[in-house]
Amino acid sequence: MKRTAATAARVLGQIRHDPRTIALMLVVPSLLIGLMAWIFTDTNVFQHIGPAMIALFPFVVMFLVTSIATLRERRSGTLERLLSMPLAKGEFIFGYALAFTLVAVLQTVIAVSFAILVLGLEISGSLLLLFSVAALDALLGTSLGLMASAFARTEFQVVQFMPLLIFPQFLLSGLILPRGQLPGALEVIGDWLPLSHAIDALGDVAAGTEDNGTWASLLVIGGWILGALLVGSLTLRRRTA
């Protein structure tokens, strides 16, 4: 546990000295949510899609930042040096996850507060639950990014994982077409993808209609997070050739 915490502290220290990464993680999601609200000015569309945007943009940003940052540790030889010490792969992965979880919580506070206080997004359910679901969704992006970085050899390959891990979730989440109107096989796939559950849960909380299905969605998201972190820790290579 101490080595995991030390890894998290080291990562947070690196982030603190990188203003561009800080801006990307903390500011860009809110700007994108604001852009969507601006596009639909003088309509009530944003009230319907706002919760989904809170799920989508932080999720994508955390995936990109986490995957590239972790890959650079391998390419620079830092990971190889760390693992020559008494640091297990799992401690490295979970240390990164802990660091970016703290960032994700701050990102969530900023994005959700901006959507509610500045953009006027109306929330009928529990604000605490809304923050919790949004933070869990950002952590989902982090965990999938860590898993992708374990397989990728270059930053370009990390970007190539987006069509595999991100785009299908966006297309099948119900944002473009309600999942109930998708072909049967695609509906089943969409119902098992974690972003679908994040969007559903945030929509339920925003509308004040959270029920047992909402909590089931949180369990599915949590299962994906743990699964991605375990896969990442088992497949992580010490160094990229």
C-alpha atoms as a PDB file:
ATOM      1  CA  MET A   1       0.000   0.000   0.000  1.00  0.00           C
ATOM      2  CA  LYS A   2       2.855   2.392   0.807  1.00  0.00           C
ATOM      3  CA  ARG A   3       4.465   1.797  -2.591  1.00  0.00           C
ATOM      4  CA  THR A   4       1.122   2.372  -4.322  1.00  0.00           C
ATOM      5  CA  ALA A   5       0.699   5.657  -2.437  1.00  0.00           C
ATOM      6  CA  ALA A   6       4.288   6.666  -3.269  1.00  0.00           C
ATOM      7  CA  THR A   7       3.635   5.986  -6.964  1.00  0.00           C
ATOM      8  CA  ALA A   8       0.483   8.089  -6.827  1.00  0.00           C
ATOM      9  CA  ALA A   9       2.375  10.943  -5.136  1.00  0.00           C
ATOM     10  CA  ARG A  10       5.091  10.829  -7.808  1.00  0.00           C
ATOM     11  CA  VAL A  11       2.506  10.964 -10.619  1.00  0.00           C
ATOM     12  CA  LEU A  12       0.680  13.872  -8.988  1.00  0.00           C
ATOM     13  CA  GLY A  13       3.994  15.685  -8.662  1.00  0.00           C
ATOM     14  CA  GLN A  14       4.637  15.246 -12.380  1.00  0.00           C
ATOM     15  CA  ILE A  15       1.159  16.485 -13.259  1.00  0.00           C
ATOM     16  CA  ARG A  16       1.580  19.524 -11.021  1.00  0.00           C
ATOM     17  CA  HIS A  17       4.529  20.675 -13.136  1.00  0.00           C
ATOM     18  CA  ASP A  18       2.699  20.202 -16.459  1.00  0.00           C
ATOM     19  CA  PRO A  19       0.227  23.090 -16.925  1.00  0.00           C
ATOM     20  CA  ARG A  20      -0.942  21.854 -20.335  1.00  0.00           C
ATOM     21  CA  THR A  21      -1.968  18.467 -18.947  1.00  0.00           C
ATOM     22  CA  ILE A  22      -3.706  20.147 -16.036  1.00  0.00           C
ATOM     23  CA  ALA A  23      -5.658  22.352 -18.444  1.00  0.00           C
ATOM     24  CA  LEU A  24      -6.546  19.368 -20.627  1.00  0.00           C
ATOM     25  CA  MET A  25      -7.910  17.366 -17.713  1.00  0.00           C
ATOM     26  CA  LEU A  26      -9.576  20.089 -15.679  1.00  0.00           C
ATOM     27  CA  VAL A  27     -10.670  22.738 -18.167  1.00  0.00           C
ATOM     28  CA  VAL A  28     -11.259  21.111 -21.562  1.00  0.00           C
ATOM     29  CA  PRO A  29     -14.212  18.878 -20.496  1.00  0.00           C
ATOM     30  CA  SER A  30     -16.061  21.931 -19.153  1.00  0.00           C
ATOM     31  CA  LEU A  31     -15.313  23.889 -22.327  1.00  0.00           C
ATOM     32  CA  LEU A  32     -16.687  21.066 -24.478  1.00  0.00           C
ATOM     33  CA  ILE A  33     -19.803  20.792 -22.324  1.00  0.00           C
ATOM     34  CA  GLY A  34     -20.180  24.562 -22.627  1.00  0.00           C
ATOM     35  CA  LEU A  35     -19.835  24.326 -26.405  1.00  0.00           C
ATOM     36  CA  MET A  36     -22.671  21.810 -26.542  1.00  0.00           C
ATOM     37  CA  ALA A  37     -24.851  24.099 -24.429  1.00  0.00           C
ATOM     38  CA  TRP A  38     -23.989  27.022 -26.716  1.00  0.00           C
ATOM     39  CA  ILE A  39     -24.896  25.031 -29.835  1.00  0.00           C
ATOM     40  CA  PHE A  40     -28.377  24.411 -28.427  1.00  0.00           C
ATOM     41  CA  THR A  41     -28.961  27.920 -27.085  1.00  0.00           C
ATOM     42  CA  ASP A  42     -32.654  28.888 -26.791  1.00  0.00           C
ATOM     43  CA  THR A  43     -33.734  25.239 -26.842  1.00  0.00           C
ATOM     44  CA  ASN A  44     -34.217  22.661 -24.100  1.00  0.00           C
ATOM     45  CA  VAL A  45     -31.990  20.103 -25.849  1.00  0.00           C
ATOM     46  CA  PHE A  46     -29.100  20.635 -23.453  1.00  0.00           C
ATOM     47  CA  GLN A  47     -31.337  19.693 -20.532  1.00  0.00           C
ATOM     48  CA  HIS A  48     -31.718  16.283 -22.152  1.00  0.00           C
ATOM     49  CA  ILE A  49     -28.156  15.701 -23.369  1.00  0.00           C
ATOM     50  CA  GLY A  50     -26.272  17.548 -20.616  1.00  0.00           C
ATOM     51  CA  PRO A  51     -25.908  14.511 -18.311  1.00  0.00           C
ATOM     52  CA  ALA A  52     -24.624  12.445 -21.249  1.00  0.00           C
ATOM     53  CA  MET A  53     -22.027  15.123 -22.042  1.00  0.00           C
ATOM     54  CA  ILE A  54     -20.873  15.023 -18.410  1.00  0.00           C
ATOM     55  CA  ALA A  55     -20.316  11.303 -18.938  1.00  0.00           C
ATOM     56  CA  LEU A  56     -18.705  11.480 -22.377  1.00  0.00           C
ATOM     57  CA  PHE A  57     -16.115  14.260 -22.361  1.00  0.00           C
ATOM     58  CA  PRO A  58     -14.330  13.555 -19.037  1.00  0.00           C
ATOM     59  CA  PHE A  59     -14.322   9.857 -19.929  1.00  0.00           C
ATOM     60  CA  VAL A  60     -12.537  10.486 -23.259  1.00  0.00           C
ATOM     61  CA  VAL A  61     -10.082  13.028 -21.831  1.00  0.00           C
ATOM     62  CA  MET A  62      -9.048  10.787 -18.938  1.00  0.00           C
ATOM     63  CA  PHE A  63      -8.574   7.858 -21.326  1.00  0.00           C
ATOM     64  CA  LEU A  64      -6.193   9.840 -23.540  1.00  0.00           C
ATOM     65  CA  VAL A  65      -4.169  11.499 -20.792  1.00  0.00           C
ATOM     66  CA  THR A  66      -3.772   8.357 -18.692  1.00  0.00           C
ATOM     67  CA  SER A  67      -2.842   6.055 -21.558  1.00  0.00           C
ATOM     68  CA  ILE A  68      -0.228   8.389 -23.027  1.00  0.00           C
ATOM     69  CA  ALA A  69       1.277   9.314 -19.641  1.00  0.00           C
ATOM     70  CA  THR A  70       1.681   5.659 -18.659  1.00  0.00           C
ATOM     71  CA  LEU A  71       3.147   4.722 -22.022  1.00  0.00           C
ATOM     72  CA  ARG A  72       5.773   7.442 -21.689  1.00  0.00           C
ATOM     73  CA  GLU A  73       6.888   5.878 -18.414  1.00  0.00           C
ATOM     74  CA  ARG A  74       7.709   2.720 -20.339  1.00  0.00           C
ATOM     75  CA  ARG A  75       9.282   4.387 -23.347  1.00  0.00           C
ATOM     76  CA  SER A  76      11.544   6.525 -21.172  1.00  0.00           C
ATOM     77  CA  GLY A  77      12.725   3.494 -19.176  1.00  0.00           C
ATOM     78  CA  THR A  78      11.236   4.873 -15.959  1.00  0.00           C
ATOM     79  CA  LEU A  79       9.018   1.845 -15.475  1.00  0.00           C
ATOM     80  CA  GLU A  80      11.934  -0.523 -15.987  1.00  0.00           C
ATOM     81  CA  ARG A  81      13.900   1.271 -13.269  1.00  0.00           C
ATOM     82  CA  LEU A  82      10.916   1.318 -10.923  1.00  0.00           C
ATOM     83  CA  LEU A  83      10.216  -2.380 -11.366  1.00  0.00           C
ATOM     84  CA  SER A  84      13.854  -3.201 -10.644  1.00  0.00           C
ATOM     85  CA  MET A  85      13.012  -2.061  -7.121  1.00  0.00           C
ATOM     86  CA  PRO A  86      10.449  -3.801  -4.886  1.00  0.00           C
ATOM     87  CA  LEU A  87       7.510  -2.413  -6.879  1.00  0.00           C
ATOM     88  CA  ALA A  88       5.037  -4.852  -8.422  1.00  0.00           C
ATOM     89  CA  LYS A  89       3.208  -4.169 -11.665  1.00  0.00           C
ATOM     90  CA  GLY A  90      -0.071  -4.089  -9.802  1.00  0.00           C
ATOM     91  CA  GLU A  91       1.256  -1.457  -7.394  1.00  0.00           C
ATOM     92  CA  PHE A  92       2.380   0.652 -10.353  1.00  0.00           C
ATOM     93  CA  ILE A  93      -0.994   0.397 -12.107  1.00  0.00           C
ATOM     94  CA  PHE A  94      -3.042   0.996  -8.974  1.00  0.00           C
ATOM     95  CA  GLY A  95      -0.744   3.875  -7.987  1.00  0.00           C
ATOM     96  CA  TYR A  96      -1.473   5.519 -11.323  1.00  0.00           C
ATOM     97  CA  ALA A  97      -5.163   4.779 -10.885  1.00  0.00           C
ATOM     98  CA  LEU A  98      -5.142   6.383  -7.437  1.00  0.00           C
ATOM     99  CA  ALA A  99      -3.410   9.527  -8.724  1.00  0.00           C
ATOM    100  CA  PHE A 100      -5.741   9.974 -11.642  1.00  0.00           C
ATOM    101  CA  THR A 101      -8.745   9.172  -9.446  1.00  0.00           C
ATOM    102  CA  LEU A 102      -7.923  12.240  -7.382  1.00  0.00           C
ATOM    103  CA  VAL A 103      -7.615  14.273 -10.580  1.00  0.00           C
ATOM    104  CA  ALA A 104     -10.893  12.793 -11.854  1.00  0.00           C
ATOM    105  CA  VAL A 105     -12.703  13.859  -8.677  1.00  0.00           C
ATOM    106  CA  LEU A 106     -11.466  17.442  -9.108  1.00  0.00           C
ATOM    107  CA  GLN A 107     -12.335  17.333 -12.798  1.00  0.00           C
ATOM    108  CA  THR A 108     -15.830  16.135 -11.915  1.00  0.00           C
ATOM    109  CA  VAL A 109     -16.373  18.899  -9.373  1.00  0.00           C
ATOM    110  CA  ILE A 110     -15.400  21.514 -11.968  1.00  0.00           C
ATOM    111  CA  ALA A 111     -17.384  20.034 -14.868  1.00  0.00           C
ATOM    112  CA  VAL A 112     -20.570  19.325 -12.927  1.00  0.00           C
ATOM    113  CA  SER A 113     -20.463  22.671 -11.102  1.00  0.00           C
ATOM    114  CA  PHE A 114     -19.936  24.467 -14.419  1.00  0.00           C
ATOM    115  CA  ALA A 115     -22.842  22.617 -16.032  1.00  0.00           C
ATOM    116  CA  ILE A 116     -25.193  23.405 -13.160  1.00  0.00           C
ATOM    117  CA  LEU A 117     -24.143  26.875 -12.015  1.00  0.00           C
ATOM    118  CA  VAL A 118     -23.073  28.435 -15.318  1.00  0.00           C
ATOM    119  CA  LEU A 119     -24.950  26.510 -18.007  1.00  0.00           C
ATOM    120  CA  GLY A 120     -28.135  26.082 -16.000  1.00  0.00           C
ATOM    121  CA  LEU A 121     -28.408  22.301 -16.168  1.00  0.00           C
ATOM    122  CA  GLU A 122     -31.294  21.312 -13.901  1.00  0.00           C
ATOM    123  CA  ILE A 123     -30.767  18.340 -11.594  1.00  0.00           C
ATOM    124  CA  SER A 124     -33.795  16.822  -9.878  1.00  0.00           C
ATOM    125  CA  GLY A 125     -31.975  14.022  -8.059  1.00  0.00           C
ATOM    126  CA  SER A 126     -29.181  13.906  -5.503  1.00  0.00           C
ATOM    127  CA  LEU A 127     -26.235  16.152  -6.321  1.00  0.00           C
ATOM    128  CA  LEU A 128     -23.938  13.945  -4.239  1.00  0.00           C
ATOM    129  CA  LEU A 129     -24.955  10.904  -6.268  1.00  0.00           C
ATOM    130  CA  LEU A 130     -24.499  12.873  -9.493  1.00  0.00           C
ATOM    131  CA  PHE A 131     -20.949  13.827  -8.488  1.00  0.00           C
ATOM    132  CA  SER A 132     -20.240  10.229  -7.485  1.00  0.00           C
ATOM    133  CA  VAL A 133     -21.447   8.763 -10.784  1.00  0.00           C
ATOM    134  CA  ALA A 134     -19.554  11.365 -12.819  1.00  0.00           C
ATOM    135  CA  ALA A 135     -16.336  10.685 -10.875  1.00  0.00           C
ATOM    136  CA  LEU A 136     -16.782   6.924 -11.351  1.00  0.00           C
ATOM    137  CA  ASP A 137     -17.219   7.531 -15.070  1.00  0.00           C
ATOM    138  CA  ALA A 138     -13.980   9.544 -15.242  1.00  0.00           C
ATOM    139  CA  LEU A 139     -12.237   6.735 -13.353  1.00  0.00           C
ATOM    140  CA  LEU A 140     -13.582   4.350 -15.985  1.00  0.00           C
ATOM    141  CA  GLY A 141     -11.757   6.364 -18.643  1.00  0.00           C
ATOM    142  CA  THR A 142      -8.616   6.220 -16.507  1.00  0.00           C
ATOM    143  CA  SER A 143      -8.766   2.444 -16.060  1.00  0.00           C
ATOM    144  CA  LEU A 144      -9.361   1.796 -19.765  1.00  0.00           C
ATOM    145  CA  GLY A 145      -6.484   4.147 -20.568  1.00  0.00           C
ATOM    146  CA  LEU A 146      -4.174   2.216 -18.254  1.00  0.00           C
ATOM    147  CA  MET A 147      -5.241  -1.029 -19.902  1.00  0.00           C
ATOM    148  CA  ALA A 148      -4.668   0.378 -23.403  1.00  0.00           C
ATOM    149  CA  SER A 149      -1.213   1.654 -22.461  1.00  0.00           C
ATOM    150  CA  ALA A 150      -0.214  -1.841 -21.358  1.00  0.00           C
ATOM    151  CA  PHE A 151      -0.763  -3.108 -24.912  1.00  0.00           C
ATOM    152  CA  ALA A 152       0.394  -0.100 -26.943  1.00  0.00           C
ATOM    153  CA  ARG A 153       3.983   0.455 -28.050  1.00  0.00           C
ATOM    154  CA  THR A 154       3.718   4.074 -29.217  1.00  0.00           C
ATOM    155  CA  GLU A 155       1.510   7.103 -28.595  1.00  0.00           C
ATOM    156  CA  PHE A 156       0.066   6.581 -32.076  1.00  0.00           C
ATOM    157  CA  GLN A 157      -1.003   3.071 -31.120  1.00  0.00           C
ATOM    158  CA  VAL A 158      -2.731   4.479 -28.045  1.00  0.00           C
ATOM    159  CA  VAL A 159      -4.791   6.729 -30.313  1.00  0.00           C
ATOM    160  CA  GLN A 160      -5.569   3.681 -32.454  1.00  0.00           C
ATOM    161  CA  PHE A 161      -7.205   2.075 -29.429  1.00  0.00           C
ATOM    162  CA  MET A 162      -9.889   4.787 -29.457  1.00  0.00           C
ATOM    163  CA  PRO A 163     -11.813   3.214 -32.383  1.00  0.00           C
ATOM    164  CA  LEU A 164     -11.750  -0.071 -30.455  1.00  0.00           C
ATOM    165  CA  LEU A 165     -12.477   1.053 -26.898  1.00  0.00           C
ATOM    166  CA  ILE A 166     -14.156   4.471 -27.182  1.00  0.00           C
ATOM    167  CA  PHE A 167     -16.034   4.895 -30.466  1.00  0.00           C
ATOM    168  CA  PRO A 168     -18.174   1.718 -30.186  1.00  0.00           C
ATOM    169  CA  GLN A 169     -19.257   2.787 -26.713  1.00  0.00           C
ATOM    170  CA  PHE A 170     -20.239   6.213 -28.034  1.00  0.00           C
ATOM    171  CA  LEU A 171     -22.156   4.756 -30.990  1.00  0.00           C
ATOM    172  CA  LEU A 172     -23.988   2.111 -28.946  1.00  0.00           C
ATOM    173  CA  SER A 173     -24.623   4.144 -25.791  1.00  0.00           C
ATOM    174  CA  GLY A 174     -27.960   5.516 -26.958  1.00  0.00           C
ATOM    175  CA  LEU A 175     -26.698   9.020 -27.689  1.00  0.00           C
ATOM    176  CA  ILE A 176     -27.245   8.731 -31.444  1.00  0.00           C
ATOM    177  CA  LEU A 177     -30.188   6.335 -31.392  1.00  0.00           C
ATOM    178  CA  PRO A 178     -31.955   4.890 -28.328  1.00  0.00           C
ATOM    179  CA  ARG A 179     -30.531   1.442 -27.641  1.00  0.00           C
ATOM    180  CA  GLY A 180     -34.011  -0.066 -27.818  1.00  0.00           C
ATOM    181  CA  GLN A 181     -34.142   0.922 -31.497  1.00  0.00           C
ATOM    182  CA  LEU A 182     -30.814  -0.672 -32.398  1.00  0.00           C
ATOM    183  CA  PRO A 183     -30.596  -4.066 -34.117  1.00  0.00           C
ATOM    184  CA  GLY A 184     -30.959  -6.815 -31.523  1.00  0.00           C
ATOM    185  CA  ALA A 185     -27.298  -7.854 -31.378  1.00  0.00           C
ATOM    186  CA  LEU A 186     -26.099  -4.246 -31.116  1.00  0.00           C
ATOM    187  CA  GLU A 187     -28.613  -3.528 -28.375  1.00  0.00           C
ATOM    188  CA  VAL A 188     -27.271  -6.442 -26.328  1.00  0.00           C
ATOM    189  CA  ILE A 189     -23.678  -5.266 -26.816  1.00  0.00           C
ATOM    190  CA  GLY A 190     -24.597  -1.686 -25.939  1.00  0.00           C
ATOM    191  CA  ASP A 191     -26.342  -2.822 -22.770  1.00  0.00           C
ATOM    192  CA  TRP A 192     -23.084  -4.358 -21.522  1.00  0.00           C
ATOM    193  CA  LEU A 193     -20.785  -1.436 -22.347  1.00  0.00           C
ATOM    194  CA  PRO A 194     -19.837   0.707 -19.344  1.00  0.00           C
ATOM    195  CA  LEU A 195     -20.326   4.122 -20.977  1.00  0.00           C
ATOM    196  CA  SER A 196     -23.960   3.168 -21.649  1.00  0.00           C
ATOM    197  CA  HIS A 197     -24.452   2.542 -17.946  1.00  0.00           C
ATOM    198  CA  ALA A 198     -22.704   5.801 -17.005  1.00  0.00           C
ATOM    199  CA  ILE A 199     -24.978   7.780 -19.318  1.00  0.00           C
ATOM    200  CA  ASP A 200     -28.055   5.937 -18.056  1.00  0.00           C
ATOM    201  CA  ALA A 201     -27.119   6.496 -14.415  1.00  0.00           C
ATOM    202  CA  LEU A 202     -26.387  10.202 -14.887  1.00  0.00           C
ATOM    203  CA  GLY A 203     -29.629  10.609 -16.811  1.00  0.00           C
ATOM    204  CA  ASP A 204     -31.569   8.899 -14.017  1.00  0.00           C
ATOM    205  CA  VAL A 205     -30.024  11.094 -11.341  1.00  0.00           C
ATOM    206  CA  ALA A 206     -30.555  14.285 -13.350  1.00  0.00           C
ATOM    207  CA  ALA A 207     -34.223  13.394 -13.846  1.00  0.00           C
ATOM    208  CA  GLY A 208     -34.640  12.262 -10.236  1.00  0.00           C
ATOM    209  CA  THR A 209     -35.709   8.775 -11.347  1.00  0.00           C
ATOM    210  CA  GLU A 210     -32.835   6.765  -9.871  1.00  0.00           C
ATOM    211  CA  ASP A 211     -33.858   3.245  -8.864  1.00  0.00           C
ATOM    212  CA  ASN A 212     -32.363  -0.235  -8.525  1.00  0.00           C
ATOM    213  CA  GLY A 213     -31.364  -0.083 -12.200  1.00  0.00           C
ATOM    214  CA  THR A 214     -29.209   2.952 -11.419  1.00  0.00           C
ATOM    215  CA  TRP A 215     -27.334   1.086  -8.710  1.00  0.00           C
ATOM    216  CA  ALA A 216     -26.960  -1.912 -11.012  1.00  0.00           C
ATOM    217  CA  SER A 217     -25.363   0.400 -13.583  1.00  0.00           C
ATOM    218  CA  LEU A 218     -22.857   1.553 -10.970  1.00  0.00           C
ATOM    219  CA  LEU A 219     -21.957  -2.068 -10.232  1.00  0.00           C
ATOM    220  CA  VAL A 220     -21.375  -2.713 -13.936  1.00  0.00           C
ATOM    221  CA  ILE A 221     -19.125   0.353 -14.202  1.00  0.00           C
ATOM    222  CA  GLY A 222     -17.214  -0.716 -11.093  1.00  0.00           C
ATOM    223  CA  GLY A 223     -16.747  -4.198 -12.524  1.00  0.00           C
ATOM    224  CA  TRP A 224     -15.319  -2.779 -15.750  1.00  0.00           C
ATOM    225  CA  ILE A 225     -12.941  -0.548 -13.792  1.00  0.00           C
ATOM    226  CA  LEU A 226     -11.579  -3.423 -11.712  1.00  0.00           C
ATOM    227  CA  GLY A 227     -11.365  -5.692 -14.748  1.00  0.00           C
ATOM    228  CA  ALA A 228      -9.458  -3.112 -16.800  1.00  0.00           C
ATOM    229  CA  LEU A 229      -6.995  -2.446 -13.956  1.00  0.00           C
ATOM    230  CA  LEU A 230      -6.371  -6.155 -13.458  1.00  0.00           C
ATOM    231  CA  VAL A 231      -5.804  -6.734 -17.177  1.00  0.00           C
ATOM    232  CA  GLY A 232      -3.480  -3.745 -17.280  1.00  0.00           C
ATOM    233  CA  SER A 233      -1.432  -4.979 -14.327  1.00  0.00           C
ATOM    234  CA  LEU A 234      -1.130  -8.499 -15.767  1.00  0.00           C
ATOM    235  CA  THR A 235      -0.128  -7.431 -19.275  1.00  0.00           C
ATOM    236  CA  LEU A 236       2.090  -4.427 -18.495  1.00  0.00           C
ATOM    237  CA  ARG A 237       5.566  -4.706 -20.038  1.00  0.00           C
ATOM    238  CA  ARG A 238       8.576  -3.236 -18.327  1.00  0.00           C
ATOM    239  CA  ARG A 239       9.700  -1.341 -21.381  1.00  0.00           C
ATOM    240  CA  THR A 240       8.622  -0.673 -24.949  1.00  0.00           C
ATOM    241  CA  ALA A 241      11.239  -1.638 -27.528  1.00  0.00           C
END
